[in-house]
Amino acid sequence: MSAPRWIIHLPTTLTRSADAAALAVALRVSLQHVTAIDFGETTLSEEDRQFVRTRVWCDARLPGPARCALPADHDGPCRPAAGDPPAPGRGG
């Protein structure tokens, strides 16, 4: 059995979901080197409705260690974030 993971709830003063999503993107870009943060699991919720969450990224598993870094409701095929390692056997 693995140890439980901890969630950090980070309230903001933002009043639009699009602005909160943009902040999540900025945090992912600036903190992507911190391996303890699982940005693929990022969700948004209204302050008084925290039990209703909206995913920010698709996060579908891709070949190798990568996950889809596109928005949760994207059209077309999934693709990894620019800095993700390539799938085994695909070169670099």
Protein backbone atom coordinates (compact mmCIF):
# COMPACT_ATOMS: atom_id res chain seq x y z
CA MET A 1 0.00 0.00 0.00
CA SER A 2 1.42 3.39 -0.98
CA ALA A 3 1.51 6.41 1.29
CA PRO A 4 -1.31 8.95 0.86
CA ARG A 5 -0.65 11.94 -1.38
CA TRP A 6 -1.32 15.43 -0.08
CA ILE A 7 -3.25 18.16 -1.92
CA ILE A 8 -2.45 21.86 -1.60
CA HIS A 9 -5.53 24.05 -2.04
CA LEU A 10 -4.41 27.46 -3.21
CA PRO A 11 -7.21 30.05 -3.05
CA THR A 12 -6.96 33.10 -5.31
CA THR A 13 -8.71 36.45 -5.62
CA LEU A 14 -9.60 35.70 -9.26
CA THR A 15 -13.29 35.82 -10.20
CA ARG A 16 -13.25 34.13 -13.65
CA SER A 17 -12.46 30.49 -14.36
CA ALA A 18 -10.48 31.45 -17.48
CA ASP A 19 -8.21 33.62 -15.34
CA ALA A 20 -7.75 30.81 -12.81
CA ALA A 21 -6.87 28.41 -15.64
CA ALA A 22 -4.35 30.93 -17.00
CA LEU A 23 -2.76 31.15 -13.55
CA ALA A 24 -2.55 27.34 -13.42
CA VAL A 25 -0.77 27.38 -16.79
CA ALA A 26 1.68 30.05 -15.56
CA LEU A 27 2.38 28.03 -12.41
CA ARG A 28 2.97 24.89 -14.47
CA VAL A 29 5.43 26.70 -16.72
CA SER A 30 7.34 28.32 -13.87
CA LEU A 31 7.36 25.29 -11.54
CA GLN A 32 7.62 22.37 -13.98
CA HIS A 33 11.09 21.58 -12.60
CA VAL A 34 9.54 20.68 -9.21
CA THR A 35 8.93 16.93 -9.56
CA ALA A 36 6.81 16.77 -6.39
CA ILE A 37 3.98 18.64 -8.15
CA ASP A 38 1.58 16.64 -10.35
CA PHE A 39 0.24 19.41 -12.58
CA GLY A 40 -1.74 16.93 -14.69
CA GLU A 41 -4.15 16.50 -11.79
CA THR A 42 -4.82 20.25 -11.46
CA THR A 43 -8.48 21.13 -10.98
CA LEU A 44 -10.41 24.36 -10.49
CA SER A 45 -13.42 24.97 -8.26
CA GLU A 46 -15.46 27.89 -7.02
CA GLU A 47 -14.59 28.92 -3.47
CA ASP A 48 -17.96 27.91 -2.02
CA ARG A 49 -18.36 24.81 -4.25
CA GLN A 50 -15.02 23.08 -3.82
CA PHE A 51 -16.63 19.66 -4.27
CA VAL A 52 -17.42 20.57 -7.93
CA ARG A 53 -14.08 20.47 -9.72
CA THR A 54 -13.09 21.08 -13.32
CA ARG A 55 -9.90 19.52 -14.72
CA VAL A 56 -7.46 21.95 -16.35
CA TRP A 57 -5.51 19.44 -18.49
CA CYS A 58 -6.47 16.22 -20.29
CA ASP A 59 -3.61 14.26 -18.63
CA ALA A 60 -4.31 11.08 -20.66
CA ARG A 61 -1.45 8.57 -20.61
CA LEU A 62 0.72 8.56 -23.73
CA PRO A 63 3.41 6.06 -24.77
CA GLY A 64 6.32 6.16 -22.34
CA PRO A 65 6.20 8.36 -19.23
CA ALA A 66 4.42 11.31 -20.88
CA ARG A 67 0.85 12.50 -20.39
CA CYS A 68 -1.29 14.78 -22.54
CA ALA A 69 -0.69 18.46 -21.70
CA LEU A 70 -3.58 19.88 -23.74
CA PRO A 71 -6.70 21.40 -22.15
CA ALA A 72 -9.15 18.88 -20.68
CA ASP A 73 -11.73 19.42 -23.44
CA HIS A 74 -9.33 19.54 -26.42
CA ASP A 75 -10.14 18.40 -29.96
CA GLY A 76 -7.81 16.15 -31.90
CA PRO A 77 -5.10 13.79 -30.71
CA CYS A 78 -3.38 14.09 -27.36
CA ARG A 79 0.20 15.36 -27.17
CA PRO A 80 2.81 15.70 -24.43
CA ALA A 81 4.15 18.94 -22.99
CA ALA A 82 7.13 20.37 -24.88
CA GLY A 83 9.58 19.36 -22.13
CA ASP A 84 8.37 15.77 -21.69
CA PRO A 85 10.80 12.99 -22.60
CA PRO A 86 10.09 11.13 -25.86
CA ALA A 87 8.52 7.70 -25.83
CA PRO A 88 11.06 4.81 -25.81
CA GLY A 89 12.31 4.02 -29.30
CA ARG A 90 11.26 7.40 -30.74
CA GLY A 91 14.56 9.21 -30.44
CA GLY A 92 14.99 12.67 -29.00
